[in-house]
Amino acid sequence: MPFGISIWELLILLVVLLLVFGAKRLPEMGRSLGRGMREFKEAVTGVEDAARAATTPTSVTPPAELPTASLEHEAVSAEATESERETVS
């Protein structure tokens, strides 16, 4: 076993934790511990990624062009708004 802990010592430790914290609190503690370890790992790798990104050049791609609206669509929209104004008045 890791750190020289036998299976019996591990079981005794788990029973003591169960008695101290209760059955409802242990899953919450496990989730928060896992979340903390994940955030720490992301923070450490994020620093490495930022340093790596600063040293490597990046290629800049131009933004994609949006299609222009057709004149027919604009005319239909103008007629629709005029008819809406007449019905409201």
PDB file of N, CA and C in Angstrom:
ATOM      1  N   MET A   1       0.837  -1.179   0.000  1.00  0.00           N
ATOM      2  CA  MET A   1       0.000   0.000   0.000  1.00  0.00           C
ATOM      3  C   MET A   1       0.888   1.252   0.000  1.00  0.00           C
ATOM      4  N   PRO A   2       0.344   2.369  -0.493  1.00  0.00           N
ATOM      5  CA  PRO A   2       1.128   3.606  -0.520  1.00  0.00           C
ATOM      6  C   PRO A   2       1.383   4.149   0.888  1.00  0.00           C
ATOM      7  N   PHE A   3       2.516   4.757   1.078  1.00  0.00           N
ATOM      8  CA  PHE A   3       2.932   5.386   2.328  1.00  0.00           C
ATOM      9  C   PHE A   3       3.036   4.397   3.485  1.00  0.00           C
ATOM     10  N   GLY A   4       3.144   3.138   3.209  1.00  0.00           N
ATOM     11  CA  GLY A   4       3.299   2.132   4.258  1.00  0.00           C
ATOM     12  C   GLY A   4       2.049   1.924   5.096  1.00  0.00           C
ATOM     13  N   ILE A   5       0.872   2.218   4.566  1.00  0.00           N
ATOM     14  CA  ILE A   5      -0.383   2.038   5.297  1.00  0.00           C
ATOM     15  C   ILE A   5      -0.973   0.691   4.894  1.00  0.00           C
ATOM     16  N   SER A   6      -1.268  -0.130   5.893  1.00  0.00           N
ATOM     17  CA  SER A   6      -1.872  -1.432   5.593  1.00  0.00           C
ATOM     18  C   SER A   6      -3.375  -1.252   5.402  1.00  0.00           C
ATOM     19  N   ILE A   7      -4.024  -2.299   4.953  1.00  0.00           N
ATOM     20  CA  ILE A   7      -5.463  -2.247   4.707  1.00  0.00           C
ATOM     21  C   ILE A   7      -6.224  -2.034   6.013  1.00  0.00           C
ATOM     22  N   TRP A   8      -5.737  -2.605   7.120  1.00  0.00           N
ATOM     23  CA  TRP A   8      -6.420  -2.465   8.409  1.00  0.00           C
ATOM     24  C   TRP A   8      -6.328  -1.022   8.909  1.00  0.00           C
ATOM     25  N   GLU A   9      -5.186  -0.405   8.738  1.00  0.00           N
ATOM     26  CA  GLU A   9      -5.039   0.987   9.159  1.00  0.00           C
ATOM     27  C   GLU A   9      -5.939   1.896   8.329  1.00  0.00           C
ATOM     28  N   LEU A  10      -6.054   1.599   7.066  1.00  0.00           N
ATOM     29  CA  LEU A  10      -6.910   2.374   6.183  1.00  0.00           C
ATOM     30  C   LEU A  10      -8.382   2.225   6.584  1.00  0.00           C
ATOM     31  N   LEU A  11      -8.799   1.022   6.900  1.00  0.00           N
ATOM     32  CA  LEU A  11     -10.180   0.788   7.342  1.00  0.00           C
ATOM     33  C   LEU A  11     -10.477   1.504   8.656  1.00  0.00           C
ATOM     34  N   ILE A  12      -9.553   1.453   9.606  1.00  0.00           N
ATOM     35  CA  ILE A  12      -9.744   2.143  10.880  1.00  0.00           C
ATOM     36  C   ILE A  12      -9.849   3.646  10.658  1.00  0.00           C
ATOM     37  N   LEU A  13      -9.032   4.187   9.772  1.00  0.00           N
ATOM     38  CA  LEU A  13      -9.078   5.603   9.448  1.00  0.00           C
ATOM     39  C   LEU A  13     -10.426   5.985   8.833  1.00  0.00           C
ATOM     40  N   LEU A  14     -10.935   5.169   7.935  1.00  0.00           N
ATOM     41  CA  LEU A  14     -12.227   5.439   7.320  1.00  0.00           C
ATOM     42  C   LEU A  14     -13.372   5.374   8.329  1.00  0.00           C
ATOM     43  N   VAL A  15     -13.313   4.425   9.261  1.00  0.00           N
ATOM     44  CA  VAL A  15     -14.348   4.317  10.299  1.00  0.00           C
ATOM     45  C   VAL A  15     -14.314   5.541  11.204  1.00  0.00           C
ATOM     46  N   VAL A  16     -13.132   5.994  11.578  1.00  0.00           N
ATOM     47  CA  VAL A  16     -13.013   7.182  12.430  1.00  0.00           C
ATOM     48  C   VAL A  16     -13.552   8.403  11.701  1.00  0.00           C
ATOM     49  N   LEU A  17     -13.225   8.554  10.413  1.00  0.00           N
ATOM     50  CA  LEU A  17     -13.742   9.671   9.630  1.00  0.00           C
ATOM     51  C   LEU A  17     -15.266   9.622   9.541  1.00  0.00           C
ATOM     52  N   LEU A  18     -15.802   8.445   9.367  1.00  0.00           N
ATOM     53  CA  LEU A  18     -17.251   8.279   9.296  1.00  0.00           C
ATOM     54  C   LEU A  18     -17.909   8.669  10.617  1.00  0.00           C
ATOM     55  N   LEU A  19     -17.295   8.285  11.734  1.00  0.00           N
ATOM     56  CA  LEU A  19     -17.855   8.628  13.040  1.00  0.00           C
ATOM     57  C   LEU A  19     -17.746  10.119  13.334  1.00  0.00           C
ATOM     58  N   VAL A  20     -16.656  10.740  12.941  1.00  0.00           N
ATOM     59  CA  VAL A  20     -16.446  12.154  13.244  1.00  0.00           C
ATOM     60  C   VAL A  20     -17.311  13.041  12.369  1.00  0.00           C
ATOM     61  N   PHE A  21     -17.320  12.807  11.057  1.00  0.00           N
ATOM     62  CA  PHE A  21     -17.993  13.707  10.126  1.00  0.00           C
ATOM     63  C   PHE A  21     -19.404  13.259   9.741  1.00  0.00           C
ATOM     64  N   GLY A  22     -19.709  12.005   9.837  1.00  0.00           N
ATOM     65  CA  GLY A  22     -21.040  11.523   9.482  1.00  0.00           C
ATOM     66  C   GLY A  22     -21.127  11.105   8.029  1.00  0.00           C
ATOM     67  N   ALA A  23     -22.181  10.335   7.731  1.00  0.00           N
ATOM     68  CA  ALA A  23     -22.333   9.768   6.382  1.00  0.00           C
ATOM     69  C   ALA A  23     -22.722  10.825   5.362  1.00  0.00           C
ATOM     70  N   LYS A  24     -23.430  11.873   5.778  1.00  0.00           N
ATOM     71  CA  LYS A  24     -23.856  12.900   4.832  1.00  0.00           C
ATOM     72  C   LYS A  24     -22.723  13.846   4.471  1.00  0.00           C
ATOM     73  N   ARG A  25     -21.821  14.085   5.388  1.00  0.00           N
ATOM     74  CA  ARG A  25     -20.761  15.076   5.186  1.00  0.00           C
ATOM     75  C   ARG A  25     -19.585  14.510   4.379  1.00  0.00           C
ATOM     76  N   LEU A  26     -19.324  13.222   4.426  1.00  0.00           N
ATOM     77  CA  LEU A  26     -18.164  12.648   3.733  1.00  0.00           C
ATOM     78  C   LEU A  26     -18.213  12.822   2.212  1.00  0.00           C
ATOM     79  N   PRO A  27     -19.339  12.572   1.525  1.00  0.00           N
ATOM     80  CA  PRO A  27     -19.349  12.810   0.075  1.00  0.00           C
ATOM     81  C   PRO A  27     -19.114  14.272  -0.289  1.00  0.00           C
ATOM     82  N   GLU A  28     -19.650  15.205   0.507  1.00  0.00           N
ATOM     83  CA  GLU A  28     -19.413  16.626   0.260  1.00  0.00           C
ATOM     84  C   GLU A  28     -17.933  16.960   0.386  1.00  0.00           C
ATOM     85  N   MET A  29     -17.294  16.399   1.394  1.00  0.00           N
ATOM     86  CA  MET A  29     -15.866  16.646   1.596  1.00  0.00           C
ATOM     87  C   MET A  29     -15.048  16.069   0.449  1.00  0.00           C
ATOM     88  N   GLY A  30     -15.435  14.899  -0.032  1.00  0.00           N
ATOM     89  CA  GLY A  30     -14.732  14.293  -1.162  1.00  0.00           C
ATOM     90  C   GLY A  30     -14.859  15.140  -2.424  1.00  0.00           C
ATOM     91  N   ARG A  31     -16.077  15.654  -2.676  1.00  0.00           N
ATOM     92  CA  ARG A  31     -16.287  16.515  -3.845  1.00  0.00           C
ATOM     93  C   ARG A  31     -15.462  17.789  -3.745  1.00  0.00           C
ATOM     94  N   SER A  32     -15.473  18.415  -2.575  1.00  0.00           N
ATOM     95  CA  SER A  32     -14.730  19.659  -2.426  1.00  0.00           C
ATOM     96  C   SER A  32     -13.221  19.420  -2.532  1.00  0.00           C
ATOM     97  N   LEU A  33     -12.758  18.299  -2.028  1.00  0.00           N
ATOM     98  CA  LEU A  33     -11.338  17.968  -2.156  1.00  0.00           C
ATOM     99  C   LEU A  33     -10.977  17.737  -3.615  1.00  0.00           C
ATOM    100  N   GLY A  34     -11.810  17.011  -4.340  1.00  0.00           N
ATOM    101  CA  GLY A  34     -11.557  16.781  -5.763  1.00  0.00           C
ATOM    102  C   GLY A  34     -11.607  18.061  -6.570  1.00  0.00           C
ATOM    103  N   ARG A  35     -12.572  18.933  -6.257  1.00  0.00           N
ATOM    104  CA  ARG A  35     -12.680  20.218  -6.954  1.00  0.00           C
ATOM    105  C   ARG A  35     -11.438  21.074  -6.693  1.00  0.00           C
ATOM    106  N   GLY A  36     -10.984  21.083  -5.458  1.00  0.00           N
ATOM    107  CA  GLY A  36      -9.787  21.854  -5.111  1.00  0.00           C
ATOM    108  C   GLY A  36      -8.549  21.337  -5.825  1.00  0.00           C
ATOM    109  N   MET A  37      -8.414  20.015  -5.894  1.00  0.00           N
ATOM    110  CA  MET A  37      -7.263  19.435  -6.596  1.00  0.00           C
ATOM    111  C   MET A  37      -7.326  19.745  -8.085  1.00  0.00           C
ATOM    112  N   ARG A  38      -8.533  19.708  -8.676  1.00  0.00           N
ATOM    113  CA  ARG A  38      -8.688  20.006 -10.094  1.00  0.00           C
ATOM    114  C   ARG A  38      -8.355  21.473 -10.386  1.00  0.00           C
ATOM    115  N   GLU A  39      -8.828  22.389  -9.525  1.00  0.00           N
ATOM    116  CA  GLU A  39      -8.535  23.806  -9.710  1.00  0.00           C
ATOM    117  C   GLU A  39      -7.042  24.078  -9.569  1.00  0.00           C
ATOM    118  N   PHE A  40      -6.392  23.404  -8.619  1.00  0.00           N
ATOM    119  CA  PHE A  40      -4.958  23.567  -8.452  1.00  0.00           C
ATOM    120  C   PHE A  40      -4.209  23.084  -9.689  1.00  0.00           C
ATOM    121  N   LYS A  41      -4.625  21.941 -10.218  1.00  0.00           N
ATOM    122  CA  LYS A  41      -3.979  21.391 -11.407  1.00  0.00           C
ATOM    123  C   LYS A  41      -4.166  22.329 -12.596  1.00  0.00           C
ATOM    124  N   GLU A  42      -5.387  22.868 -12.766  1.00  0.00           N
ATOM    125  CA  GLU A  42      -5.638  23.801 -13.864  1.00  0.00           C
ATOM    126  C   GLU A  42      -4.821  25.075 -13.702  1.00  0.00           C
ATOM    127  N   ALA A  43      -4.661  25.540 -12.466  1.00  0.00           N
ATOM    128  CA  ALA A  43      -3.876  26.748 -12.235  1.00  0.00           C
ATOM    129  C   ALA A  43      -2.411  26.517 -12.573  1.00  0.00           C
ATOM    130  N   VAL A  44      -1.888  25.355 -12.197  1.00  0.00           N
ATOM    131  CA  VAL A  44      -0.482  25.061 -12.482  1.00  0.00           C
ATOM    132  C   VAL A  44      -0.266  24.893 -13.978  1.00  0.00           C
ATOM    133  N   THR A  45      -1.142  24.154 -14.650  1.00  0.00           N
ATOM    134  CA  THR A  45      -0.968  23.960 -16.093  1.00  0.00           C
ATOM    135  C   THR A  45      -1.301  25.229 -16.850  1.00  0.00           C
ATOM    136  N   GLY A  46      -2.176  26.077 -16.301  1.00  0.00           N
ATOM    137  CA  GLY A  46      -2.503  27.341 -16.942  1.00  0.00           C
ATOM    138  C   GLY A  46      -1.308  28.268 -16.981  1.00  0.00           C
ATOM    139  N   VAL A  47      -0.498  28.268 -15.922  1.00  0.00           N
ATOM    140  CA  VAL A  47       0.710  29.087 -15.884  1.00  0.00           C
ATOM    141  C   VAL A  47       1.698  28.586 -16.927  1.00  0.00           C
ATOM    142  N   GLU A  48       1.829  27.277 -17.040  1.00  0.00           N
ATOM    143  CA  GLU A  48       2.734  26.711 -18.039  1.00  0.00           C
ATOM    144  C   GLU A  48       2.238  27.010 -19.443  1.00  0.00           C
ATOM    145  N   ASP A  49       0.932  26.905 -19.674  1.00  0.00           N
ATOM    146  CA  ASP A  49       0.367  27.193 -20.994  1.00  0.00           C
ATOM    147  C   ASP A  49       0.553  28.655 -21.357  1.00  0.00           C
ATOM    148  N   ALA A  50       0.371  29.559 -20.392  1.00  0.00           N
ATOM    149  CA  ALA A  50       0.532  30.989 -20.658  1.00  0.00           C
ATOM    150  C   ALA A  50       1.983  31.304 -21.000  1.00  0.00           C
ATOM    151  N   ALA A  51       2.918  30.682 -20.299  1.00  0.00           N
ATOM    152  CA  ALA A  51       4.329  30.915 -20.591  1.00  0.00           C
ATOM    153  C   ALA A  51       4.684  30.362 -21.960  1.00  0.00           C
ATOM    154  N   ARG A  52       4.136  29.204 -22.301  1.00  0.00           N
ATOM    155  CA  ARG A  52       4.407  28.597 -23.600  1.00  0.00           C
ATOM    156  C   ARG A  52       3.786  29.427 -24.721  1.00  0.00           C
ATOM    157  N   ALA A  53       2.593  29.955 -24.497  1.00  0.00           N
ATOM    158  CA  ALA A  53       1.915  30.761 -25.511  1.00  0.00           C
ATOM    159  C   ALA A  53       2.637  32.088 -25.735  1.00  0.00           C
ATOM    160  N   ALA A  54       3.263  32.622 -24.688  1.00  0.00           N
ATOM    161  CA  ALA A  54       3.974  33.882 -24.822  1.00  0.00           C
ATOM    162  C   ALA A  54       5.239  33.720 -25.656  1.00  0.00           C
ATOM    163  N   THR A  55       5.823  32.541 -25.654  1.00  0.00           N
ATOM    164  CA  THR A  55       7.061  32.333 -26.397  1.00  0.00           C
ATOM    165  C   THR A  55       6.824  31.871 -27.825  1.00  0.00           C
ATOM    166  N   THR A  56       5.675  31.287 -28.110  1.00  0.00           N
ATOM    167  CA  THR A  56       5.405  30.806 -29.464  1.00  0.00           C
ATOM    168  C   THR A  56       4.541  31.812 -30.207  1.00  0.00           C
ATOM    169  N   PRO A  57       4.891  32.123 -31.459  1.00  0.00           N
ATOM    170  CA  PRO A  57       4.065  33.064 -32.221  1.00  0.00           C
ATOM    171  C   PRO A  57       2.747  32.401 -32.630  1.00  0.00           C
ATOM    172  N   THR A  58       1.714  33.195 -32.653  1.00  0.00           N
ATOM    173  CA  THR A  58       0.409  32.689 -33.055  1.00  0.00           C
ATOM    174  C   THR A  58       0.017  33.321 -34.372  1.00  0.00           C
ATOM    175  N   SER A  59      -0.712  32.584 -35.163  1.00  0.00           N
ATOM    176  CA  SER A  59      -1.171  33.127 -36.432  1.00  0.00           C
ATOM    177  C   SER A  59      -2.531  33.769 -36.220  1.00  0.00           C
ATOM    178  N   VAL A  60      -2.696  34.931 -36.804  1.00  0.00           N
ATOM    179  CA  VAL A  60      -3.946  35.661 -36.651  1.00  0.00           C
ATOM    180  C   VAL A  60      -4.771  35.446 -37.901  1.00  0.00           C
ATOM    181  N   THR A  61      -5.982  34.951 -37.718  1.00  0.00           N
ATOM    182  CA  THR A  61      -6.868  34.735 -38.857  1.00  0.00           C
ATOM    183  C   THR A  61      -7.846  35.892 -38.931  1.00  0.00           C
ATOM    184  N   PRO A  62      -8.107  36.381 -40.116  1.00  0.00           N
ATOM    185  CA  PRO A  62      -9.052  37.494 -40.236  1.00  0.00           C
ATOM    186  C   PRO A  62     -10.471  37.007 -39.929  1.00  0.00           C
ATOM    187  N   PRO A  63     -11.305  37.883 -39.415  1.00  0.00           N
ATOM    188  CA  PRO A  63     -12.676  37.461 -39.105  1.00  0.00           C
ATOM    189  C   PRO A  63     -13.445  37.143 -40.374  1.00  0.00           C
ATOM    190  N   ALA A  64     -14.355  36.237 -40.259  1.00  0.00           N
ATOM    191  CA  ALA A  64     -15.164  35.842 -41.408  1.00  0.00           C
ATOM    192  C   ALA A  64     -16.113  36.975 -41.773  1.00  0.00           C
ATOM    193  N   GLU A  65     -16.358  37.141 -43.060  1.00  0.00           N
ATOM    194  CA  GLU A  65     -17.260  38.189 -43.502  1.00  0.00           C
ATOM    195  C   GLU A  65     -18.700  37.700 -43.388  1.00  0.00           C
ATOM    196  N   LEU A  66     -19.546  38.581 -42.916  1.00  0.00           N
ATOM    197  CA  LEU A  66     -20.956  38.243 -42.792  1.00  0.00           C
ATOM    198  C   LEU A  66     -21.662  38.534 -44.100  1.00  0.00           C
ATOM    199  N   PRO A  67     -22.649  37.734 -44.472  1.00  0.00           N
ATOM    200  CA  PRO A  67     -23.378  38.003 -45.716  1.00  0.00           C
ATOM    201  C   PRO A  67     -24.215  39.265 -45.560  1.00  0.00           C
ATOM    202  N   THR A  68     -24.332  39.999 -46.657  1.00  0.00           N
ATOM    203  CA  THR A  68     -25.124  41.222 -46.618  1.00  0.00           C
ATOM    204  C   THR A  68     -26.587  40.887 -46.857  1.00  0.00           C
ATOM    205  N   ALA A  69     -27.453  41.706 -46.325  1.00  0.00           N
ATOM    206  CA  ALA A  69     -28.885  41.488 -46.485  1.00  0.00           C
ATOM    207  C   ALA A  69     -29.299  41.896 -47.891  1.00  0.00           C
ATOM    208  N   SER A  70     -30.243  41.183 -48.447  1.00  0.00           N
ATOM    209  CA  SER A  70     -30.709  41.525 -49.787  1.00  0.00           C
ATOM    210  C   SER A  70     -31.680  42.692 -49.713  1.00  0.00           C
ATOM    211  N   LEU A  71     -31.836  43.399 -50.809  1.00  0.00           N
ATOM    212  CA  LEU A  71     -32.735  44.543 -50.847  1.00  0.00           C
ATOM    213  C   LEU A  71     -34.184  44.121 -50.690  1.00  0.00           C
ATOM    214  N   GLU A  72     -34.534  42.942 -51.221  1.00  0.00           N
ATOM    215  CA  GLU A  72     -35.899  42.454 -51.104  1.00  0.00           C
ATOM    216  C   GLU A  72     -36.275  42.253 -49.644  1.00  0.00           C
ATOM    217  N   HIS A  73     -35.331  41.714 -48.864  1.00  0.00           N
ATOM    218  CA  HIS A  73     -35.587  41.480 -47.447  1.00  0.00           C
ATOM    219  C   HIS A  73     -35.814  42.801 -46.725  1.00  0.00           C
ATOM    220  N   GLU A  74     -35.028  43.817 -47.061  1.00  0.00           N
ATOM    221  CA  GLU A  74     -35.176  45.121 -46.424  1.00  0.00           C
ATOM    222  C   GLU A  74     -36.521  45.741 -46.771  1.00  0.00           C
ATOM    223  N   ALA A  75     -36.971  45.596 -48.027  1.00  0.00           N
ATOM    224  CA  ALA A  75     -38.253  46.157 -48.439  1.00  0.00           C
ATOM    225  C   ALA A  75     -39.406  45.476 -47.704  1.00  0.00           C
ATOM    226  N   VAL A  76     -39.322  44.166 -47.570  1.00  0.00           N
ATOM    227  CA  VAL A  76     -40.365  43.428 -46.867  1.00  0.00           C
ATOM    228  C   VAL A  76     -40.386  43.847 -45.405  1.00  0.00           C
ATOM    229  N   SER A  77     -39.221  44.037 -44.797  1.00  0.00           N
ATOM    230  CA  SER A  77     -39.157  44.448 -43.399  1.00  0.00           C
ATOM    231  C   SER A  77     -39.749  45.835 -43.226  1.00  0.00           C
ATOM    232  N   ALA A  78     -39.468  46.758 -44.164  1.00  0.00           N
ATOM    233  CA  ALA A  78     -40.004  48.111 -44.071  1.00  0.00           C
ATOM    234  C   ALA A  78     -41.522  48.092 -44.195  1.00  0.00           C
ATOM    235  N   GLU A  79     -42.053  47.286 -45.111  1.00  0.00           N
ATOM    236  CA  GLU A  79     -43.500  47.193 -45.261  1.00  0.00           C
ATOM    237  C   GLU A  79     -44.148  46.603 -44.013  1.00  0.00           C
ATOM    238  N   ALA A  80     -43.475  45.620 -43.394  1.00  0.00           N
ATOM    239  CA  ALA A  80     -44.023  44.982 -42.206  1.00  0.00           C
ATOM    240  C   ALA A  80     -44.081  45.977 -41.058  1.00  0.00           C
ATOM    241  N   THR A  81     -43.053  46.782 -40.897  1.00  0.00           N
ATOM    242  CA  THR A  81     -43.068  47.740 -39.796  1.00  0.00           C
ATOM    243  C   THR A  81     -44.111  48.825 -40.028  1.00  0.00           C
ATOM    244  N   GLU A  82     -44.309  49.242 -41.284  1.00  0.00           N
ATOM    245  CA  GLU A  82     -45.330  50.245 -41.574  1.00  0.00           C
ATOM    246  C   GLU A  82     -46.724  49.700 -41.272  1.00  0.00           C
ATOM    247  N   SER A  83     -46.971  48.444 -41.649  1.00  0.00           N
ATOM    248  CA  SER A  83     -48.285  47.868 -41.375  1.00  0.00           C
ATOM    249  C   SER A  83     -48.501  47.674 -39.876  1.00  0.00           C
ATOM    250  N   GLU A  84     -47.438  47.372 -39.148  1.00  0.00           N
ATOM    251  CA  GLU A  84     -47.545  47.239 -37.692  1.00  0.00           C
ATOM    252  C   GLU A  84     -47.873  48.574 -37.061  1.00  0.00           C
ATOM    253  N   ARG A  85     -47.276  49.653 -37.565  1.00  0.00           N
ATOM    254  CA  ARG A  85     -47.553  50.987 -37.021  1.00  0.00           C
ATOM    255  C   ARG A  85     -49.019  51.379 -37.273  1.00  0.00           C
ATOM    256  N   GLU A  86     -49.547  51.021 -38.447  1.00  0.00           N
ATOM    257  CA  GLU A  86     -50.922  51.365 -38.772  1.00  0.00           C
ATOM    258  C   GLU A  86     -51.898  50.621 -37.887  1.00  0.00           C
ATOM    259  N   THR A  87     -51.591  49.353 -37.565  1.00  0.00           N
ATOM    260  CA  THR A  87     -52.510  48.586 -36.731  1.00  0.00           C
ATOM    261  C   THR A  87     -52.464  49.071 -35.278  1.00  0.00           C
ATOM    262  N   VAL A  88     -51.326  49.584 -34.830  1.00  0.00           N
ATOM    263  CA  VAL A  88     -51.202  50.068 -33.469  1.00  0.00           C
ATOM    264  C   VAL A  88     -51.920  51.405 -33.299  1.00  0.00           C
ATOM    265  N   SER A  89     -51.861  52.256 -34.332  1.00  0.00           N
ATOM    266  CA  SER A  89     -52.461  53.597 -34.250  1.00  0.00           C
ATOM    267  C   SER A  89     -53.949  53.577 -34.184  1.00  0.00           C
TER     268      SER A  89
END
